[in-house]
Amino acid sequence: MAKKNKNKAVNEPLVSNAPLMDADLSAETASAQKNTYKKNNKANNNKNAQKPKLGARIKRAFKEMFSELKKVSWPTAKKTLSMFGIVLAVVFFFLVIISAFDYGIIKLIELLMNSI
């Protein structure tokens, strides 16, 4: 592995490794690319104008959804039960913490009210 030189001069310019030899940055090329984009965009709009009917689109959406659900790796029952136990333990832990905090605040307020 090659070492990097950490002693660079402060005013040294940054150099990119991107090849710009073949880059054509003329206005004519940019205009031609813009016209090509407009033609392609019009062609795509014509394709969108001939959309399938609503029923066919809904049917395709459900078909794709079920095919994606088949690819999901579902957890086993044992793993699901263990994850459920972890969730219950965390919820119970925070229930105890928040309840203790709430009880302490109530007692503090009662103490302040009785002293006044």
PDB file of N, CA and C in Angstrom:
ATOM      1  N   MET A   1       0.844  -1.169   0.000  1.00  0.00           N
ATOM      2  CA  MET A   1       0.000   0.000   0.000  1.00  0.00           C
ATOM      3  C   MET A   1       0.895   1.240   0.000  1.00  0.00           C
ATOM      4  N   ALA A   2       0.608   2.159  -0.871  1.00  0.00           N
ATOM      5  CA  ALA A   2       1.431   3.367  -0.991  1.00  0.00           C
ATOM      6  C   ALA A   2       1.047   4.361   0.085  1.00  0.00           C
ATOM      7  N   LYS A   3       2.056   5.053   0.605  1.00  0.00           N
ATOM      8  CA  LYS A   3       1.795   6.077   1.615  1.00  0.00           C
ATOM      9  C   LYS A   3       1.364   7.358   0.927  1.00  0.00           C
ATOM     10  N   LYS A   4       0.442   8.067   1.573  1.00  0.00           N
ATOM     11  CA  LYS A   4       0.017   9.352   1.057  1.00  0.00           C
ATOM     12  C   LYS A   4       0.952  10.435   1.585  1.00  0.00           C
ATOM     13  N   ASN A   5       1.201  11.408   0.763  1.00  0.00           N
ATOM     14  CA  ASN A   5       2.063  12.508   1.159  1.00  0.00           C
ATOM     15  C   ASN A   5       1.231  13.508   1.958  1.00  0.00           C
ATOM     16  N   LYS A   6       1.532  13.627   3.245  1.00  0.00           N
ATOM     17  CA  LYS A   6       0.777  14.523   4.111  1.00  0.00           C
ATOM     18  C   LYS A   6       1.339  15.935   4.099  1.00  0.00           C
ATOM     19  N   ASN A   7       2.477  16.148   3.488  1.00  0.00           N
ATOM     20  CA  ASN A   7       3.135  17.456   3.482  1.00  0.00           C
ATOM     21  C   ASN A   7       2.847  18.193   2.181  1.00  0.00           C
ATOM     22  N   LYS A   8       1.574  18.396   1.831  1.00  0.00           N
ATOM     23  CA  LYS A   8       1.207  19.118   0.622  1.00  0.00           C
ATOM     24  C   LYS A   8       1.303  20.610   0.878  1.00  0.00           C
ATOM     25  N   ALA A   9       1.628  21.333  -0.143  1.00  0.00           N
ATOM     26  CA  ALA A   9       1.680  22.790  -0.027  1.00  0.00           C
ATOM     27  C   ALA A   9       0.257  23.319   0.121  1.00  0.00           C
ATOM     28  N   VAL A  10       0.118  24.405   0.838  1.00  0.00           N
ATOM     29  CA  VAL A  10      -1.204  24.966   1.121  1.00  0.00           C
ATOM     30  C   VAL A  10      -1.871  25.464  -0.158  1.00  0.00           C
ATOM     31  N   ASN A  11      -1.133  26.073  -1.063  1.00  0.00           N
ATOM     32  CA  ASN A  11      -1.707  26.650  -2.272  1.00  0.00           C
ATOM     33  C   ASN A  11      -1.673  25.701  -3.462  1.00  0.00           C
ATOM     34  N   GLU A  12      -1.408  24.446  -3.237  1.00  0.00           N
ATOM     35  CA  GLU A  12      -1.335  23.477  -4.324  1.00  0.00           C
ATOM     36  C   GLU A  12      -2.743  23.208  -4.854  1.00  0.00           C
ATOM     37  N   PRO A  13      -2.954  23.294  -6.170  1.00  0.00           N
ATOM     38  CA  PRO A  13      -4.309  23.086  -6.706  1.00  0.00           C
ATOM     39  C   PRO A  13      -4.702  21.617  -6.644  1.00  0.00           C
ATOM     40  N   LEU A  14      -5.998  21.383  -6.495  1.00  0.00           N
ATOM     41  CA  LEU A  14      -6.516  20.021  -6.516  1.00  0.00           C
ATOM     42  C   LEU A  14      -6.638  19.569  -7.963  1.00  0.00           C
ATOM     43  N   VAL A  15      -6.276  18.338  -8.229  1.00  0.00           N
ATOM     44  CA  VAL A  15      -6.285  17.821  -9.584  1.00  0.00           C
ATOM     45  C   VAL A  15      -7.257  16.657  -9.642  1.00  0.00           C
ATOM     46  N   SER A  16      -8.125  16.664 -10.640  1.00  0.00           N
ATOM     47  CA  SER A  16      -9.082  15.587 -10.822  1.00  0.00           C
ATOM     48  C   SER A  16      -8.507  14.549 -11.770  1.00  0.00           C
ATOM     49  N   ASN A  17      -8.878  13.309 -11.577  1.00  0.00           N
ATOM     50  CA  ASN A  17      -8.432  12.235 -12.452  1.00  0.00           C
ATOM     51  C   ASN A  17      -9.397  11.992 -13.600  1.00  0.00           C
ATOM     52  N   ALA A  18     -10.452  12.795 -13.703  1.00  0.00           N
ATOM     53  CA  ALA A  18     -11.454  12.600 -14.745  1.00  0.00           C
ATOM     54  C   ALA A  18     -10.885  13.002 -16.099  1.00  0.00           C
ATOM     55  N   PRO A  19     -11.007  12.138 -17.116  1.00  0.00           N
ATOM     56  CA  PRO A  19     -10.477  12.483 -18.434  1.00  0.00           C
ATOM     57  C   PRO A  19     -11.391  13.480 -19.134  1.00  0.00           C
ATOM     58  N   LEU A  20     -10.838  14.611 -19.540  1.00  0.00           N
ATOM     59  CA  LEU A  20     -11.586  15.630 -20.250  1.00  0.00           C
ATOM     60  C   LEU A  20     -11.114  15.773 -21.690  1.00  0.00           C
ATOM     61  N   MET A  21     -10.275  14.864 -22.164  1.00  0.00           N
ATOM     62  CA  MET A  21      -9.739  14.976 -23.513  1.00  0.00           C
ATOM     63  C   MET A  21     -10.842  14.887 -24.566  1.00  0.00           C
ATOM     64  N   ASP A  22     -11.799  13.987 -24.379  1.00  0.00           N
ATOM     65  CA  ASP A  22     -12.842  13.766 -25.370  1.00  0.00           C
ATOM     66  C   ASP A  22     -14.097  14.579 -25.101  1.00  0.00           C
ATOM     67  N   ALA A  23     -14.092  15.397 -24.076  1.00  0.00           N
ATOM     68  CA  ALA A  23     -15.282  16.151 -23.720  1.00  0.00           C
ATOM     69  C   ALA A  23     -15.496  17.274 -24.726  1.00  0.00           C
ATOM     70  N   ASP A  24     -16.720  17.357 -25.254  1.00  0.00           N
ATOM     71  CA  ASP A  24     -17.069  18.426 -26.190  1.00  0.00           C
ATOM     72  C   ASP A  24     -18.016  19.362 -25.457  1.00  0.00           C
ATOM     73  N   LEU A  25     -17.538  20.530 -25.117  1.00  0.00           N
ATOM     74  CA  LEU A  25     -18.302  21.466 -24.311  1.00  0.00           C
ATOM     75  C   LEU A  25     -18.800  22.646 -25.138  1.00  0.00           C
ATOM     76  N   SER A  26     -18.971  22.461 -26.431  1.00  0.00           N
ATOM     77  CA  SER A  26     -19.405  23.561 -27.285  1.00  0.00           C
ATOM     78  C   SER A  26     -20.905  23.775 -27.158  1.00  0.00           C
ATOM     79  N   ALA A  27     -21.349  24.970 -27.531  1.00  0.00           N
ATOM     80  CA  ALA A  27     -22.767  25.316 -27.452  1.00  0.00           C
ATOM     81  C   ALA A  27     -23.570  24.523 -28.470  1.00  0.00           C
ATOM     82  N   GLU A  28     -22.983  24.211 -29.628  1.00  0.00           N
ATOM     83  CA  GLU A  28     -23.690  23.450 -30.663  1.00  0.00           C
ATOM     84  C   GLU A  28     -24.021  22.043 -30.167  1.00  0.00           C
ATOM     85  N   THR A  29     -23.078  21.419 -29.506  1.00  0.00           N
ATOM     86  CA  THR A  29     -23.297  20.071 -28.985  1.00  0.00           C
ATOM     87  C   THR A  29     -24.381  20.087 -27.912  1.00  0.00           C
ATOM     88  N   ALA A  30     -24.332  21.088 -27.038  1.00  0.00           N
ATOM     89  CA  ALA A  30     -25.338  21.191 -25.986  1.00  0.00           C
ATOM     90  C   ALA A  30     -26.719  21.387 -26.582  1.00  0.00           C
ATOM     91  N   SER A  31     -26.827  22.203 -27.637  1.00  0.00           N
ATOM     92  CA  SER A  31     -28.111  22.438 -28.302  1.00  0.00           C
ATOM     93  C   SER A  31     -28.615  21.164 -28.960  1.00  0.00           C
ATOM     94  N   ALA A  32     -27.723  20.400 -29.598  1.00  0.00           N
ATOM     95  CA  ALA A  32     -28.113  19.147 -30.242  1.00  0.00           C
ATOM     96  C   ALA A  32     -28.594  18.134 -29.201  1.00  0.00           C
ATOM     97  N   GLN A  33     -27.909  18.088 -28.057  1.00  0.00           N
ATOM     98  CA  GLN A  33     -28.327  17.165 -26.998  1.00  0.00           C
ATOM     99  C   GLN A  33     -29.680  17.563 -26.447  1.00  0.00           C
ATOM    100  N   LYS A  34     -29.948  18.856 -26.338  1.00  0.00           N
ATOM    101  CA  LYS A  34     -31.233  19.340 -25.828  1.00  0.00           C
ATOM    102  C   LYS A  34     -32.359  18.953 -26.784  1.00  0.00           C
ATOM    103  N   ASN A  35     -32.121  19.101 -28.110  1.00  0.00           N
ATOM    104  CA  ASN A  35     -33.131  18.729 -29.095  1.00  0.00           C
ATOM    105  C   ASN A  35     -33.403  17.235 -29.064  1.00  0.00           C
ATOM    106  N   THR A  36     -32.353  16.429 -28.895  1.00  0.00           N
ATOM    107  CA  THR A  36     -32.524  14.981 -28.796  1.00  0.00           C
ATOM    108  C   THR A  36     -33.353  14.623 -27.573  1.00  0.00           C
ATOM    109  N   TYR A  37     -33.096  15.317 -26.463  1.00  0.00           N
ATOM    110  CA  TYR A  37     -33.862  15.068 -25.249  1.00  0.00           C
ATOM    111  C   TYR A  37     -35.332  15.390 -25.473  1.00  0.00           C
ATOM    112  N   LYS A  38     -35.622  16.498 -26.164  1.00  0.00           N
ATOM    113  CA  LYS A  38     -37.019  16.876 -26.408  1.00  0.00           C
ATOM    114  C   LYS A  38     -37.716  15.829 -27.261  1.00  0.00           C
ATOM    115  N   LYS A  39     -37.014  15.307 -28.302  1.00  0.00           N
ATOM    116  CA  LYS A  39     -37.616  14.283 -29.156  1.00  0.00           C
ATOM    117  C   LYS A  39     -37.898  13.012 -28.362  1.00  0.00           C
ATOM    118  N   ASN A  40     -36.951  12.604 -27.533  1.00  0.00           N
ATOM    119  CA  ASN A  40     -37.153  11.405 -26.721  1.00  0.00           C
ATOM    120  C   ASN A  40     -38.272  11.611 -25.720  1.00  0.00           C
ATOM    121  N   ASN A  41     -38.363  12.798 -25.165  1.00  0.00           N
ATOM    122  CA  ASN A  41     -39.405  13.093 -24.186  1.00  0.00           C
ATOM    123  C   ASN A  41     -40.778  13.052 -24.849  1.00  0.00           C
ATOM    124  N   LYS A  42     -40.886  13.554 -26.100  1.00  0.00           N
ATOM    125  CA  LYS A  42     -42.160  13.504 -26.814  1.00  0.00           C
ATOM    126  C   LYS A  42     -42.548  12.062 -27.092  1.00  0.00           C
ATOM    127  N   ALA A  43     -41.578  11.236 -27.458  1.00  0.00           N
ATOM    128  CA  ALA A  43     -41.854   9.822 -27.720  1.00  0.00           C
ATOM    129  C   ALA A  43     -42.353   9.136 -26.460  1.00  0.00           C
ATOM    130  N   ASN A  44     -41.768   9.467 -25.303  1.00  0.00           N
ATOM    131  CA  ASN A  44     -42.215   8.878 -24.041  1.00  0.00           C
ATOM    132  C   ASN A  44     -43.611   9.350 -23.686  1.00  0.00           C
ATOM    133  N   ASN A  45     -43.933  10.609 -23.990  1.00  0.00           N
ATOM    134  CA  ASN A  45     -45.277  11.129 -23.706  1.00  0.00           C
ATOM    135  C   ASN A  45     -46.313  10.421 -24.561  1.00  0.00           C
ATOM    136  N   ASN A  46     -45.978  10.086 -25.823  1.00  0.00           N
ATOM    137  CA  ASN A  46     -46.906   9.360 -26.673  1.00  0.00           C
ATOM    138  C   ASN A  46     -47.160   7.960 -26.132  1.00  0.00           C
ATOM    139  N   LYS A  47     -46.134   7.333 -25.583  1.00  0.00           N
ATOM    140  CA  LYS A  47     -46.314   6.009 -24.986  1.00  0.00           C
ATOM    141  C   LYS A  47     -47.216   6.093 -23.763  1.00  0.00           C
ATOM    142  N   ASN A  48     -47.071   7.164 -22.967  1.00  0.00           N
ATOM    143  CA  ASN A  48     -47.897   7.320 -21.766  1.00  0.00           C
ATOM    144  C   ASN A  48     -49.344   7.624 -22.125  1.00  0.00           C
ATOM    145  N   ALA A  49     -49.584   8.182 -23.307  1.00  0.00           N
ATOM    146  CA  ALA A  49     -50.944   8.507 -23.714  1.00  0.00           C
ATOM    147  C   ALA A  49     -51.744   7.232 -23.951  1.00  0.00           C
ATOM    148  N   GLN A  50     -51.087   6.132 -24.265  1.00  0.00           N
ATOM    149  CA  GLN A  50     -51.766   4.871 -24.535  1.00  0.00           C
ATOM    150  C   GLN A  50     -51.644   3.938 -23.334  1.00  0.00           C
ATOM    151  N   LYS A  51     -51.985   4.437 -22.147  1.00  0.00           N
ATOM    152  CA  LYS A  51     -51.895   3.623 -20.927  1.00  0.00           C
ATOM    153  C   LYS A  51     -52.947   2.526 -20.945  1.00  0.00           C
ATOM    154  N   PRO A  52     -52.656   1.406 -20.278  1.00  0.00           N
ATOM    155  CA  PRO A  52     -53.677   0.368 -20.150  1.00  0.00           C
ATOM    156  C   PRO A  52     -54.816   0.856 -19.270  1.00  0.00           C
ATOM    157  N   LYS A  53     -55.931   0.158 -19.354  1.00  0.00           N
ATOM    158  CA  LYS A  53     -57.104   0.558 -18.570  1.00  0.00           C
ATOM    159  C   LYS A  53     -56.852   0.353 -17.086  1.00  0.00           C
ATOM    160  N   LEU A  54     -57.697   0.957 -16.258  1.00  0.00           N
ATOM    161  CA  LEU A  54     -57.528   0.942 -14.804  1.00  0.00           C
ATOM    162  C   LEU A  54     -57.508  -0.483 -14.260  1.00  0.00           C
ATOM    163  N   GLY A  55     -58.415  -1.319 -14.718  1.00  0.00           N
ATOM    164  CA  GLY A  55     -58.474  -2.697 -14.229  1.00  0.00           C
ATOM    165  C   GLY A  55     -57.196  -3.463 -14.517  1.00  0.00           C
ATOM    166  N   ALA A  56     -56.640  -3.260 -15.697  1.00  0.00           N
ATOM    167  CA  ALA A  56     -55.398  -3.945 -16.071  1.00  0.00           C
ATOM    168  C   ALA A  56     -54.236  -3.451 -15.223  1.00  0.00           C
ATOM    169  N   ARG A  57     -54.205  -2.142 -14.938  1.00  0.00           N
ATOM    170  CA  ARG A  57     -53.127  -1.598 -14.107  1.00  0.00           C
ATOM    171  C   ARG A  57     -53.223  -2.130 -12.681  1.00  0.00           C
ATOM    172  N   ILE A  58     -54.445  -2.215 -12.147  1.00  0.00           N
ATOM    173  CA  ILE A  58     -54.622  -2.738 -10.782  1.00  0.00           C
ATOM    174  C   ILE A  58     -54.223  -4.205 -10.730  1.00  0.00           C
ATOM    175  N   LYS A  59     -54.621  -4.959 -11.740  1.00  0.00           N
ATOM    176  CA  LYS A  59     -54.276  -6.387 -11.792  1.00  0.00           C
ATOM    177  C   LYS A  59     -52.764  -6.566 -11.835  1.00  0.00           C
ATOM    178  N   ARG A  60     -52.082  -5.746 -12.660  1.00  0.00           N
ATOM    179  CA  ARG A  60     -50.625  -5.838 -12.757  1.00  0.00           C
ATOM    180  C   ARG A  60     -49.954  -5.454 -11.437  1.00  0.00           C
ATOM    181  N   ALA A  61     -50.516  -4.442 -10.756  1.00  0.00           N
ATOM    182  CA  ALA A  61     -49.933  -4.020  -9.484  1.00  0.00           C
ATOM    183  C   ALA A  61     -50.017  -5.138  -8.448  1.00  0.00           C
ATOM    184  N   PHE A  62     -51.168  -5.815  -8.365  1.00  0.00           N
ATOM    185  CA  PHE A  62     -51.307  -6.910  -7.408  1.00  0.00           C
ATOM    186  C   PHE A  62     -50.413  -8.086  -7.780  1.00  0.00           C
ATOM    187  N   LYS A  63     -50.284  -8.354  -9.078  1.00  0.00           N
ATOM    188  CA  LYS A  63     -49.424  -9.449  -9.524  1.00  0.00           C
ATOM    189  C   LYS A  63     -47.974  -9.173  -9.131  1.00  0.00           C
ATOM    190  N   GLU A  64     -47.505  -7.929  -9.342  1.00  0.00           N
ATOM    191  CA  GLU A  64     -46.155  -7.562  -8.958  1.00  0.00           C
ATOM    192  C   GLU A  64     -45.966  -7.609  -7.447  1.00  0.00           C
ATOM    193  N   MET A  65     -47.014  -7.191  -6.705  1.00  0.00           N
ATOM    194  CA  MET A  65     -46.920  -7.202  -5.251  1.00  0.00           C
ATOM    195  C   MET A  65     -46.747  -8.634  -4.734  1.00  0.00           C
ATOM    196  N   PHE A  66     -47.543  -9.552  -5.252  1.00  0.00           N
ATOM    197  CA  PHE A  66     -47.433 -10.933  -4.785  1.00  0.00           C
ATOM    198  C   PHE A  66     -46.104 -11.562  -5.200  1.00  0.00           C
ATOM    199  N   SER A  67     -45.585 -11.208  -6.373  1.00  0.00           N
ATOM    200  CA  SER A  67     -44.292 -11.759  -6.775  1.00  0.00           C
ATOM    201  C   SER A  67     -43.175 -11.234  -5.875  1.00  0.00           C
ATOM    202  N   GLU A  68     -43.280  -9.970  -5.434  1.00  0.00           N
ATOM    203  CA  GLU A  68     -42.292  -9.425  -4.497  1.00  0.00           C
ATOM    204  C   GLU A  68     -42.421 -10.072  -3.124  1.00  0.00           C
ATOM    205  N   LEU A  69     -43.639 -10.351  -2.687  1.00  0.00           N
ATOM    206  CA  LEU A  69     -43.830 -10.986  -1.384  1.00  0.00           C
ATOM    207  C   LEU A  69     -43.274 -12.410  -1.365  1.00  0.00           C
ATOM    208  N   LYS A  70     -43.239 -13.063  -2.503  1.00  0.00           N
ATOM    209  CA  LYS A  70     -42.650 -14.399  -2.571  1.00  0.00           C
ATOM    210  C   LYS A  70     -41.140 -14.354  -2.384  1.00  0.00           C
ATOM    211  N   LYS A  71     -40.517 -13.217  -2.721  1.00  0.00           N
ATOM    212  CA  LYS A  71     -39.066 -13.076  -2.605  1.00  0.00           C
ATOM    213  C   LYS A  71     -38.622 -12.751  -1.183  1.00  0.00           C
ATOM    214  N   VAL A  72     -39.554 -12.359  -0.320  1.00  0.00           N
ATOM    215  CA  VAL A  72     -39.214 -11.958   1.043  1.00  0.00           C
ATOM    216  C   VAL A  72     -38.780 -13.176   1.837  1.00  0.00           C
ATOM    217  N   SER A  73     -37.730 -13.029   2.639  1.00  0.00           N
ATOM    218  CA  SER A  73     -37.341 -14.135   3.506  1.00  0.00           C
ATOM    219  C   SER A  73     -38.039 -13.911   4.859  1.00  0.00           C
ATOM    220  N   TRP A  74     -39.066 -14.680   5.089  1.00  0.00           N
ATOM    221  CA  TRP A  74     -39.881 -14.528   6.285  1.00  0.00           C
ATOM    222  C   TRP A  74     -39.193 -15.199   7.470  1.00  0.00           C
ATOM    223  N   PRO A  75     -39.290 -14.604   8.680  1.00  0.00           N
ATOM    224  CA  PRO A  75     -38.659 -15.220   9.854  1.00  0.00           C
ATOM    225  C   PRO A  75     -39.445 -16.458  10.296  1.00  0.00           C
ATOM    226  N   THR A  76     -38.745 -17.344  10.990  1.00  0.00           N
ATOM    227  CA  THR A  76     -39.404 -18.543  11.504  1.00  0.00           C
ATOM    228  C   THR A  76     -40.266 -18.162  12.706  1.00  0.00           C
ATOM    229  N   ALA A  77     -41.118 -19.083  13.108  1.00  0.00           N
ATOM    230  CA  ALA A  77     -42.001 -18.826  14.250  1.00  0.00           C
ATOM    231  C   ALA A  77     -41.177 -18.625  15.523  1.00  0.00           C
ATOM    232  N   LYS A  78     -40.106 -19.399  15.676  1.00  0.00           N
ATOM    233  CA  LYS A  78     -39.257 -19.289  16.860  1.00  0.00           C
ATOM    234  C   LYS A  78     -38.590 -17.913  16.926  1.00  0.00           C
ATOM    235  N   LYS A  79     -38.077 -17.455  15.783  1.00  0.00           N
ATOM    236  CA  LYS A  79     -37.424 -16.151  15.743  1.00  0.00           C
ATOM    237  C   LYS A  79     -38.446 -15.026  15.998  1.00  0.00           C
ATOM    238  N   THR A  80     -39.631 -15.158  15.433  1.00  0.00           N
ATOM    239  CA  THR A  80     -40.681 -14.158  15.649  1.00  0.00           C
ATOM    240  C   THR A  80     -41.052 -14.085  17.119  1.00  0.00           C
ATOM    241  N   LEU A  81     -41.170 -15.233  17.766  1.00  0.00           N
ATOM    242  CA  LEU A  81     -41.517 -15.262  19.187  1.00  0.00           C
ATOM    243  C   LEU A  81     -40.416 -14.634  20.035  1.00  0.00           C
ATOM    244  N   SER A  82     -39.155 -14.899  19.693  1.00  0.00           N
ATOM    245  CA  SER A  82     -38.064 -14.298  20.469  1.00  0.00           C
ATOM    246  C   SER A  82     -38.018 -12.785  20.274  1.00  0.00           C
ATOM    247  N   MET A  83     -38.246 -12.309  19.047  1.00  0.00           N
ATOM    248  CA  MET A  83     -38.279 -10.860  18.809  1.00  0.00           C
ATOM    249  C   MET A  83     -39.451 -10.217  19.546  1.00  0.00           C
ATOM    250  N   PHE A  84     -40.592 -10.903  19.588  1.00  0.00           N
ATOM    251  CA  PHE A  84     -41.755 -10.403  20.315  1.00  0.00           C
ATOM    252  C   PHE A  84     -41.443 -10.299  21.807  1.00  0.00           C
ATOM    253  N   GLY A  85     -40.718 -11.277  22.346  1.00  0.00           N
ATOM    254  CA  GLY A  85     -40.321 -11.235  23.754  1.00  0.00           C
ATOM    255  C   GLY A  85     -39.399 -10.062  24.042  1.00  0.00           C
ATOM    256  N   ILE A  86     -38.474  -9.787  23.119  1.00  0.00           N
ATOM    257  CA  ILE A  86     -37.570  -8.646  23.297  1.00  0.00           C
ATOM    258  C   ILE A  86     -38.361  -7.343  23.301  1.00  0.00           C
ATOM    259  N   VAL A  87     -39.311  -7.222  22.400  1.00  0.00           N
ATOM    260  CA  VAL A  87     -40.139  -6.010  22.336  1.00  0.00           C
ATOM    261  C   VAL A  87     -40.913  -5.832  23.633  1.00  0.00           C
ATOM    262  N   LEU A  88     -41.506  -6.914  24.143  1.00  0.00           N
ATOM    263  CA  LEU A  88     -42.259  -6.823  25.409  1.00  0.00           C
ATOM    264  C   LEU A  88     -41.342  -6.429  26.566  1.00  0.00           C
ATOM    265  N   ALA A  89     -40.125  -6.970  26.616  1.00  0.00           N
ATOM    266  CA  ALA A  89     -39.192  -6.632  27.689  1.00  0.00           C
ATOM    267  C   ALA A  89     -38.806  -5.156  27.640  1.00  0.00           C
ATOM    268  N   VAL A  90     -38.539  -4.631  26.455  1.00  0.00           N
ATOM    269  CA  VAL A  90     -38.172  -3.216  26.323  1.00  0.00           C
ATOM    270  C   VAL A  90     -39.336  -2.320  26.700  1.00  0.00           C
ATOM    271  N   VAL A  91     -40.540  -2.678  26.255  1.00  0.00           N
ATOM    272  CA  VAL A  91     -41.731  -1.885  26.604  1.00  0.00           C
ATOM    273  C   VAL A  91     -41.951  -1.902  28.108  1.00  0.00           C
ATOM    274  N   PHE A  92     -41.809  -3.059  28.748  1.00  0.00           N
ATOM    275  CA  PHE A  92     -41.998  -3.155  30.196  1.00  0.00           C
ATOM    276  C   PHE A  92     -40.939  -2.331  30.932  1.00  0.00           C
ATOM    277  N   PHE A  93     -39.682  -2.381  30.456  1.00  0.00           N
ATOM    278  CA  PHE A  93     -38.606  -1.611  31.067  1.00  0.00           C
ATOM    279  C   PHE A  93     -38.929  -0.119  31.050  1.00  0.00           C
ATOM    280  N   PHE A  94     -39.325   0.388  29.885  1.00  0.00           N
ATOM    281  CA  PHE A  94     -39.630   1.815  29.800  1.00  0.00           C
ATOM    282  C   PHE A  94     -40.916   2.159  30.541  1.00  0.00           C
ATOM    283  N   LEU A  95     -41.850   1.226  30.651  1.00  0.00           N
ATOM    284  CA  LEU A  95     -43.056   1.441  31.445  1.00  0.00           C
ATOM    285  C   LEU A  95     -42.687   1.678  32.902  1.00  0.00           C
ATOM    286  N   VAL A  96     -41.778   0.871  33.426  1.00  0.00           N
ATOM    287  CA  VAL A  96     -41.339   1.020  34.817  1.00  0.00           C
ATOM    288  C   VAL A  96     -40.607   2.351  35.007  1.00  0.00           C
ATOM    289  N   ILE A  97     -39.705   2.691  34.098  1.00  0.00           N
ATOM    290  CA  ILE A  97     -38.942   3.933  34.211  1.00  0.00           C
ATOM    291  C   ILE A  97     -39.865   5.152  34.167  1.00  0.00           C
ATOM    292  N   ILE A  98     -40.757   5.197  33.200  1.00  0.00           N
ATOM    293  CA  ILE A  98     -41.649   6.354  33.064  1.00  0.00           C
ATOM    294  C   ILE A  98     -42.634   6.419  34.221  1.00  0.00           C
ATOM    295  N   SER A  99     -43.131   5.277  34.680  1.00  0.00           N
ATOM    296  CA  SER A  99     -44.052   5.273  35.819  1.00  0.00           C
ATOM    297  C   SER A  99     -43.358   5.780  37.082  1.00  0.00           C
ATOM    298  N   ALA A 100     -42.111   5.360  37.311  1.00  0.00           N
ATOM    299  CA  ALA A 100     -41.367   5.826  38.480  1.00  0.00           C
ATOM    300  C   ALA A 100     -41.128   7.335  38.393  1.00  0.00           C
ATOM    301  N   PHE A 101     -40.785   7.821  37.229  1.00  0.00           N
ATOM    302  CA  PHE A 101     -40.576   9.261  37.028  1.00  0.00           C
ATOM    303  C   PHE A 101     -41.870  10.021  37.273  1.00  0.00           C
ATOM    304  N   ASP A 102     -42.974   9.516  36.745  1.00  0.00           N
ATOM    305  CA  ASP A 102     -44.279  10.153  36.925  1.00  0.00           C
ATOM    306  C   ASP A 102     -44.674  10.173  38.400  1.00  0.00           C
ATOM    307  N   TYR A 103     -44.463   9.056  39.096  1.00  0.00           N
ATOM    308  CA  TYR A 103     -44.789   8.973  40.520  1.00  0.00           C
ATOM    309  C   TYR A 103     -43.954   9.977  41.315  1.00  0.00           C
ATOM    310  N   GLY A 104     -42.670  10.109  40.976  1.00  0.00           N
ATOM    311  CA  GLY A 104     -41.798  11.057  41.662  1.00  0.00           C
ATOM    312  C   GLY A 104     -42.255  12.498  41.435  1.00  0.00           C
ATOM    313  N   ILE A 105     -42.653  12.834  40.231  1.00  0.00           N
ATOM    314  CA  ILE A 105     -43.136  14.184  39.933  1.00  0.00           C
ATOM    315  C   ILE A 105     -44.419  14.476  40.708  1.00  0.00           C
ATOM    316  N   ILE A 106     -45.324  13.503  40.767  1.00  0.00           N
ATOM    317  CA  ILE A 106     -46.586  13.686  41.506  1.00  0.00           C
ATOM    318  C   ILE A 106     -46.296  13.932  42.984  1.00  0.00           C
ATOM    319  N   LYS A 107     -45.412  13.135  43.570  1.00  0.00           N
ATOM    320  CA  LYS A 107     -45.081  13.313  44.987  1.00  0.00           C
ATOM    321  C   LYS A 107     -44.403  14.661  45.230  1.00  0.00           C
ATOM    322  N   LEU A 108     -43.546  15.100  44.320  1.00  0.00           N
ATOM    323  CA  LEU A 108     -42.891  16.402  44.448  1.00  0.00           C
ATOM    324  C   LEU A 108     -43.917  17.536  44.399  1.00  0.00           C
ATOM    325  N   ILE A 109     -44.876  17.444  43.503  1.00  0.00           N
ATOM    326  CA  ILE A 109     -45.916  18.468  43.398  1.00  0.00           C
ATOM    327  C   ILE A 109     -46.780  18.472  44.645  1.00  0.00           C
ATOM    328  N   GLU A 110     -47.128  17.280  45.161  1.00  0.00           N
ATOM    329  CA  GLU A 110     -47.922  17.204  46.408  1.00  0.00           C
ATOM    330  C   GLU A 110     -47.160  17.834  47.586  1.00  0.00           C
ATOM    331  N   LEU A 111     -45.861  17.581  47.640  1.00  0.00           N
ATOM    332  CA  LEU A 111     -45.035  18.138  48.712  1.00  0.00           C
ATOM    333  C   LEU A 111     -44.998  19.667  48.620  1.00  0.00           C
ATOM    334  N   LEU A 112     -44.846  20.187  47.399  1.00  0.00           N
ATOM    335  CA  LEU A 112     -44.843  21.633  47.208  1.00  0.00           C
ATOM    336  C   LEU A 112     -46.201  22.252  47.525  1.00  0.00           C
ATOM    337  N   MET A 113     -47.284  21.577  47.169  1.00  0.00           N
ATOM    338  CA  MET A 113     -48.640  22.100  47.444  1.00  0.00           C
ATOM    339  C   MET A 113     -48.930  22.106  48.940  1.00  0.00           C
ATOM    340  N   ASN A 114     -48.464  21.085  49.663  1.00  0.00           N
ATOM    341  CA  ASN A 114     -48.722  21.010  51.114  1.00  0.00           C
ATOM    342  C   ASN A 114     -47.874  22.023  51.870  1.00  0.00           C
ATOM    343  N   SER A 115     -46.711  22.380  51.351  1.00  0.00           N
ATOM    344  CA  SER A 115     -45.854  23.349  52.047  1.00  0.00           C
ATOM    345  C   SER A 115     -46.355  24.771  51.874  1.00  0.00           C
ATOM    346  N   ILE A 116     -47.144  25.027  50.860  1.00  0.00           N
ATOM    347  CA  ILE A 116     -47.659  26.391  50.626  1.00  0.00           C
ATOM    348  C   ILE A 116     -48.873  26.622  51.416  1.00  0.00           C
TER     349      ILE A 116
END
